[in-house]
C-alpha atoms as a PDB file:
ATOM      1  CA  UNK A   1      -0.040  -0.318   0.101  1.00  0.00           C
ATOM      2  CA  UNK A   2       1.168   3.553  -1.084  1.00  0.00           C
ATOM      3  CA  UNK A   3       1.388   5.976   2.229  1.00  0.00           C
ATOM      4  CA  UNK A   4      -0.880   8.139   0.136  1.00  0.00           C
ATOM      5  CA  UNK A   5      -3.663   5.003   0.265  1.00  0.00           C
ATOM      6  CA  UNK A   6      -3.377   5.024   4.131  1.00  0.00           C
ATOM      7  CA  UNK A   7      -6.676   5.427   5.537  1.00  0.00           C
ATOM      8  CA  UNK A   8      -7.342   9.014   7.076  1.00  0.00           C
ATOM      9  CA  UNK A   9      -8.371   7.260  10.594  1.00  0.00           C
ATOM     10  CA  UNK A  10      -5.318   5.179  10.414  1.00  0.00           C
ATOM     11  CA  UNK A  11      -3.432   8.470  10.614  1.00  0.00           C
ATOM     12  CA  UNK A  12      -5.669  10.127  13.294  1.00  0.00           C
ATOM     13  CA  UNK A  13      -4.284   7.283  15.846  1.00  0.00           C
ATOM     14  CA  UNK A  14      -2.067   7.870  18.561  1.00  0.00           C
ATOM     15  CA  UNK A  15       1.134   5.971  19.092  1.00  0.00           C
ATOM     16  CA  UNK A  16      -0.361   4.044  22.294  1.00  0.00           C
ATOM     17  CA  UNK A  17      -3.724   3.416  19.942  1.00  0.00           C
ATOM     18  CA  UNK A  18      -1.222   2.024  17.147  1.00  0.00           C
ATOM     19  CA  UNK A  19       0.561  -0.163  19.480  1.00  0.00           C
ATOM     20  CA  UNK A  20      -3.235  -1.283  21.135  1.00  0.00           C
ATOM     21  CA  UNK A  21      -3.587  -2.499  17.606  1.00  0.00           C
ATOM     22  CA  UNK A  22      -0.312  -4.124  16.975  1.00  0.00           C
ATOM     23  CA  UNK A  23      -0.720  -6.170  20.638  1.00  0.00           C
ATOM     24  CA  UNK A  24      -4.114  -7.073  19.603  1.00  0.00           C
ATOM     25  CA  UNK A  25      -3.413  -8.359  16.873  1.00  0.00           C
ATOM     26  CA  UNK A  26      -0.474 -10.738  18.020  1.00  0.00           C
ATOM     27  CA  UNK A  27      -2.618 -11.902  20.521  1.00  0.00           C
ATOM     28  CA  UNK A  28      -4.906 -13.271  18.081  1.00  0.00           C
ATOM     29  CA  UNK A  29      -7.944 -10.865  19.207  1.00  0.00           C
ATOM     30  CA  UNK A  30      -7.515 -12.000  22.504  1.00  0.00           C
ATOM     31  CA  UNK A  31      -8.993  -9.325  25.040  1.00  0.00           C
ATOM     32  CA  UNK A  32      -7.825 -11.703  27.961  1.00  0.00           C
ATOM     33  CA  UNK A  33      -4.727 -11.792  26.734  1.00  0.00           C
ATOM     34  CA  UNK A  34      -4.098  -8.213  26.455  1.00  0.00           C
ATOM     35  CA  UNK A  35      -5.673  -7.511  29.781  1.00  0.00           C
ATOM     36  CA  UNK A  36      -2.619  -9.496  30.989  1.00  0.00           C
ATOM     37  CA  UNK A  37       0.095  -7.866  29.282  1.00  0.00           C
ATOM     38  CA  UNK A  38      -1.689  -4.423  30.355  1.00  0.00           C
ATOM     39  CA  UNK A  39      -1.857  -5.740  33.772  1.00  0.00           C
ATOM     40  CA  UNK A  40      -5.485  -4.745  33.662  1.00  0.00           C
ATOM     41  CA  UNK A  41      -8.755  -6.140  34.229  1.00  0.00           C
ATOM     42  CA  UNK A  42     -10.835  -7.599  31.160  1.00  0.00           C
ATOM     43  CA  UNK A  43     -13.817  -5.113  31.606  1.00  0.00           C
ATOM     44  CA  UNK A  44     -10.949  -2.080  31.687  1.00  0.00           C
ATOM     45  CA  UNK A  45      -9.635  -3.293  28.161  1.00  0.00           C
ATOM     46  CA  UNK A  46     -12.826  -4.051  26.470  1.00  0.00           C
ATOM     47  CA  UNK A  47     -13.754  -0.354  27.477  1.00  0.00           C
ATOM     48  CA  UNK A  48     -10.323   0.612  25.954  1.00  0.00           C
ATOM     49  CA  UNK A  49     -11.258  -1.572  22.316  1.00  0.00           C
ATOM     50  CA  UNK A  50     -14.844   0.314  22.724  1.00  0.00           C
ATOM     51  CA  UNK A  51     -13.474   3.703  22.780  1.00  0.00           C
ATOM     52  CA  UNK A  52     -10.793   2.959  19.975  1.00  0.00           C
ATOM     53  CA  UNK A  53     -13.880   1.286  18.173  1.00  0.00           C
ATOM     54  CA  UNK A  54     -15.750   4.685  18.445  1.00  0.00           C
ATOM     55  CA  UNK A  55     -12.704   6.810  17.423  1.00  0.00           C
ATOM     56  CA  UNK A  56     -12.449   4.881  14.098  1.00  0.00           C
ATOM     57  CA  UNK A  57     -16.127   4.860  13.547  1.00  0.00           C
ATOM     58  CA  UNK A  58     -16.155   8.927  13.894  1.00  0.00           C
ATOM     59  CA  UNK A  59     -13.461   9.313  11.919  1.00  0.00           C
ATOM     60  CA  UNK A  60     -15.000   7.542   9.214  1.00  0.00           C
ATOM     61  CA  UNK A  61     -18.006   9.365   9.623  1.00  0.00           C
ATOM     62  CA  UNK A  62     -16.000  12.965   9.443  1.00  0.00           C
ATOM     63  CA  UNK A  63     -15.742  14.802   6.279  1.00  0.00           C
ATOM     64  CA  UNK A  64     -12.345  16.459   6.940  1.00  0.00           C
ATOM     65  CA  UNK A  65     -12.420  20.063   5.090  1.00  0.00           C
ATOM     66  CA  UNK A  66      -9.668  20.910   2.334  1.00  0.00           C
ATOM     67  CA  UNK A  67      -7.531  22.501   5.001  1.00  0.00           C
ATOM     68  CA  UNK A  68      -7.274  19.480   7.075  1.00  0.00           C
ATOM     69  CA  UNK A  69      -6.987  17.591   3.307  1.00  0.00           C
ATOM     70  CA  UNK A  70      -4.180  19.694   2.560  1.00  0.00           C
ATOM     71  CA  UNK A  71      -2.211  19.240   5.800  1.00  0.00           C
ATOM     72  CA  UNK A  72      -2.444  15.506   5.916  1.00  0.00           C
ATOM     73  CA  UNK A  73      -1.478  15.432   2.212  1.00  0.00           C
ATOM     74  CA  UNK A  74       1.966  17.646   3.269  1.00  0.00           C
ATOM     75  CA  UNK A  75       2.357  15.156   5.775  1.00  0.00           C
ATOM     76  CA  UNK A  76       2.258  12.163   3.814  1.00  0.00           C
ATOM     77  CA  UNK A  77       4.937  14.101   1.186  1.00  0.00           C
ATOM     78  CA  UNK A  78       6.908  14.536   4.429  1.00  0.00           C
ATOM     79  CA  UNK A  79       6.684  18.472   4.197  1.00  0.00           C
ATOM     80  CA  UNK A  80       5.684  18.194   7.621  1.00  0.00           C
ATOM     81  CA  UNK A  81       6.003  16.080  10.303  1.00  0.00           C
ATOM     82  CA  UNK A  82       3.217  14.428  12.370  1.00  0.00           C
ATOM     83  CA  UNK A  83       3.443  16.402  15.517  1.00  0.00           C
ATOM     84  CA  UNK A  84       3.026  19.739  13.828  1.00  0.00           C
ATOM     85  CA  UNK A  85       0.212  18.535  11.480  1.00  0.00           C
ATOM     86  CA  UNK A  86      -1.533  17.554  14.220  1.00  0.00           C
ATOM     87  CA  UNK A  87      -1.386  21.153  15.654  1.00  0.00           C
ATOM     88  CA  UNK A  88      -2.225  22.661  12.672  1.00  0.00           C
ATOM     89  CA  UNK A  89      -5.437  20.214  12.724  1.00  0.00           C
ATOM     90  CA  UNK A  90      -6.201  20.757  16.398  1.00  0.00           C
ATOM     91  CA  UNK A  91      -5.804  24.493  16.289  1.00  0.00           C
ATOM     92  CA  UNK A  92      -8.046  24.635  13.018  1.00  0.00           C
ATOM     93  CA  UNK A  93     -10.768  22.332  14.284  1.00  0.00           C
ATOM     94  CA  UNK A  94     -11.244  24.534  17.397  1.00  0.00           C
ATOM     95  CA  UNK A  95     -11.027  27.756  15.318  1.00  0.00           C
ATOM     96  CA  UNK A  96     -14.199  26.361  13.011  1.00  0.00           C
ATOM     97  CA  UNK A  97     -15.865  25.132  16.105  1.00  0.00           C
ATOM     98  CA  UNK A  98     -15.784  28.789  17.895  1.00  0.00           C
ATOM     99  CA  UNK A  99     -17.541  30.070  14.576  1.00  0.00           C
END
């Protein structure tokens, strides 16, 4: 898969969330194994997964603006680093929401 084909929802995940997904796959989808790894209870790991699912669903439903598309495109082209891109998007969204 080319970098420009990476789904938007995937680019919006934090490093912690990406690590969670990686561990989930390596544990063959076993929440029990993930709970052991994180040393937390099964209901807590289930809640963590439910929140991640919700974040992905919301991201899929959200239609980014032209500005956000531009920021993401520049990031994919390595013209902006990921941290800067996230800051710009957050600032832009705050401004849009305050209108």
